[in-house]
Amino acid sequence: MTEDASQVQVLFGDEFKRRLKIFKKRYRQIRVDLQPLIEQLQAGKTPGDRVVGTGYTVFKVRVKNSDSRRGKS
């Protein structure tokens, strides 16, 4: 078994892409801030807290915002 077999392909929906484009105007480092989360997902990890009662497997994850002087949001 190869190491690549445990990796997950992360795909972005159209709505996510659209909102990311909007947020990039205000938060210029948003792609850099999201990169560690994307890498965790690709490695097959499930970061964050699981949200129950949705009918789907959903996790709530907080990501650092380098453009804000506050904590994670």
C-alpha atoms as a PDB file:
ATOM      1  CA  MET A   1       0.000   0.000   0.000  1.00  0.00           C
ATOM      2  CA  THR A   2       1.382   3.397  -0.916  1.00  0.00           C
ATOM      3  CA  GLU A   3       1.276   6.541   1.185  1.00  0.00           C
ATOM      4  CA  ASP A   4      -0.860   8.299  -1.461  1.00  0.00           C
ATOM      5  CA  ALA A   5      -3.728   5.875  -0.831  1.00  0.00           C
ATOM      6  CA  SER A   6      -4.533   7.597   2.496  1.00  0.00           C
ATOM      7  CA  GLN A   7      -4.754  11.060   0.974  1.00  0.00           C
ATOM      8  CA  VAL A   8      -8.079  12.730   0.257  1.00  0.00           C
ATOM      9  CA  GLN A   9      -8.837  14.958  -2.710  1.00  0.00           C
ATOM     10  CA  VAL A  10     -10.267  18.306  -1.568  1.00  0.00           C
ATOM     11  CA  LEU A  11     -12.691  19.921  -3.997  1.00  0.00           C
ATOM     12  CA  PHE A  12     -14.241  23.370  -3.660  1.00  0.00           C
ATOM     13  CA  GLY A  13     -17.839  24.112  -4.562  1.00  0.00           C
ATOM     14  CA  ASP A  14     -18.858  27.068  -6.699  1.00  0.00           C
ATOM     15  CA  GLU A  15     -20.348  28.901  -3.698  1.00  0.00           C
ATOM     16  CA  PHE A  16     -17.111  28.501  -1.717  1.00  0.00           C
ATOM     17  CA  LYS A  17     -15.049  29.805  -4.632  1.00  0.00           C
ATOM     18  CA  ARG A  18     -17.361  32.794  -5.069  1.00  0.00           C
ATOM     19  CA  ARG A  19     -17.230  33.715  -1.388  1.00  0.00           C
ATOM     20  CA  LEU A  20     -13.478  33.195  -1.242  1.00  0.00           C
ATOM     21  CA  LYS A  21     -13.078  35.663  -4.094  1.00  0.00           C
ATOM     22  CA  ILE A  22     -15.193  38.222  -2.196  1.00  0.00           C
ATOM     23  CA  PHE A  23     -13.343  37.686   1.089  1.00  0.00           C
ATOM     24  CA  LYS A  24      -9.939  37.902  -0.639  1.00  0.00           C
ATOM     25  CA  LYS A  25     -10.569  41.588  -1.296  1.00  0.00           C
ATOM     26  CA  ARG A  26     -10.893  42.269   2.434  1.00  0.00           C
ATOM     27  CA  TYR A  27      -8.602  39.560   3.832  1.00  0.00           C
ATOM     28  CA  ARG A  28      -5.581  39.330   1.568  1.00  0.00           C
ATOM     29  CA  GLN A  29      -3.956  36.416   3.436  1.00  0.00           C
ATOM     30  CA  ILE A  30      -7.049  34.174   3.386  1.00  0.00           C
ATOM     31  CA  ARG A  31      -5.548  31.587   1.030  1.00  0.00           C
ATOM     32  CA  VAL A  32      -2.388  31.330   3.128  1.00  0.00           C
ATOM     33  CA  ASP A  33      -4.518  30.954   6.268  1.00  0.00           C
ATOM     34  CA  LEU A  34      -6.632  28.173   4.700  1.00  0.00           C
ATOM     35  CA  GLN A  35      -3.654  26.171   3.400  1.00  0.00           C
ATOM     36  CA  PRO A  36      -2.890  24.289   6.678  1.00  0.00           C
ATOM     37  CA  LEU A  37      -6.548  23.229   6.934  1.00  0.00           C
ATOM     38  CA  ILE A  38      -6.551  22.021   3.332  1.00  0.00           C
ATOM     39  CA  GLU A  39      -3.377  20.020   3.978  1.00  0.00           C
ATOM     40  CA  GLN A  40      -4.938  18.408   7.067  1.00  0.00           C
ATOM     41  CA  LEU A  41      -8.020  17.434   5.057  1.00  0.00           C
ATOM     42  CA  GLN A  42      -5.868  16.003   2.265  1.00  0.00           C
ATOM     43  CA  ALA A  43      -3.994  13.905   4.828  1.00  0.00           C
ATOM     44  CA  GLY A  44      -7.315  12.355   5.871  1.00  0.00           C
ATOM     45  CA  LYS A  45      -7.582  14.138   9.221  1.00  0.00           C
ATOM     46  CA  THR A  46     -10.872  15.556  10.497  1.00  0.00           C
ATOM     47  CA  PRO A  47     -10.033  18.728  12.420  1.00  0.00           C
ATOM     48  CA  GLY A  48     -12.584  20.664  14.432  1.00  0.00           C
ATOM     49  CA  ASP A  49     -15.748  19.682  16.243  1.00  0.00           C
ATOM     50  CA  ARG A  50     -18.398  17.435  14.727  1.00  0.00           C
ATOM     51  CA  VAL A  51     -21.823  19.052  14.304  1.00  0.00           C
ATOM     52  CA  VAL A  52     -24.573  16.552  15.138  1.00  0.00           C
ATOM     53  CA  GLY A  53     -28.170  16.591  13.970  1.00  0.00           C
ATOM     54  CA  THR A  54     -27.512  17.755  10.398  1.00  0.00           C
ATOM     55  CA  GLY A  55     -28.014  14.455   8.606  1.00  0.00           C
ATOM     56  CA  TYR A  56     -24.528  14.797   7.104  1.00  0.00           C
ATOM     57  CA  THR A  57     -21.000  14.450   8.442  1.00  0.00           C
ATOM     58  CA  VAL A  58     -20.167  18.097   9.204  1.00  0.00           C
ATOM     59  CA  PHE A  59     -17.244  19.557  11.126  1.00  0.00           C
ATOM     60  CA  LYS A  60     -16.955  23.104  12.434  1.00  0.00           C
ATOM     61  CA  VAL A  61     -13.394  24.397  12.115  1.00  0.00           C
ATOM     62  CA  ARG A  62     -11.925  27.706  13.211  1.00  0.00           C
ATOM     63  CA  VAL A  63      -9.132  29.150  11.090  1.00  0.00           C
ATOM     64  CA  LYS A  64      -6.649  31.851  11.989  1.00  0.00           C
ATOM     65  CA  ASN A  65      -7.176  35.201  10.236  1.00  0.00           C
ATOM     66  CA  SER A  66      -3.778  36.851   9.698  1.00  0.00           C
ATOM     67  CA  ASP A  67      -5.431  40.078   8.573  1.00  0.00           C
ATOM     68  CA  SER A  68      -7.258  40.522  11.870  1.00  0.00           C
ATOM     69  CA  ARG A  69      -5.643  41.444  15.175  1.00  0.00           C
ATOM     70  CA  ARG A  70      -8.043  39.144  17.034  1.00  0.00           C
ATOM     71  CA  GLY A  71      -7.959  35.392  17.642  1.00  0.00           C
ATOM     72  CA  LYS A  72      -9.406  32.619  15.529  1.00  0.00           C
ATOM     73  CA  SER A  73     -12.847  33.191  14.109  1.00  0.00           C
END
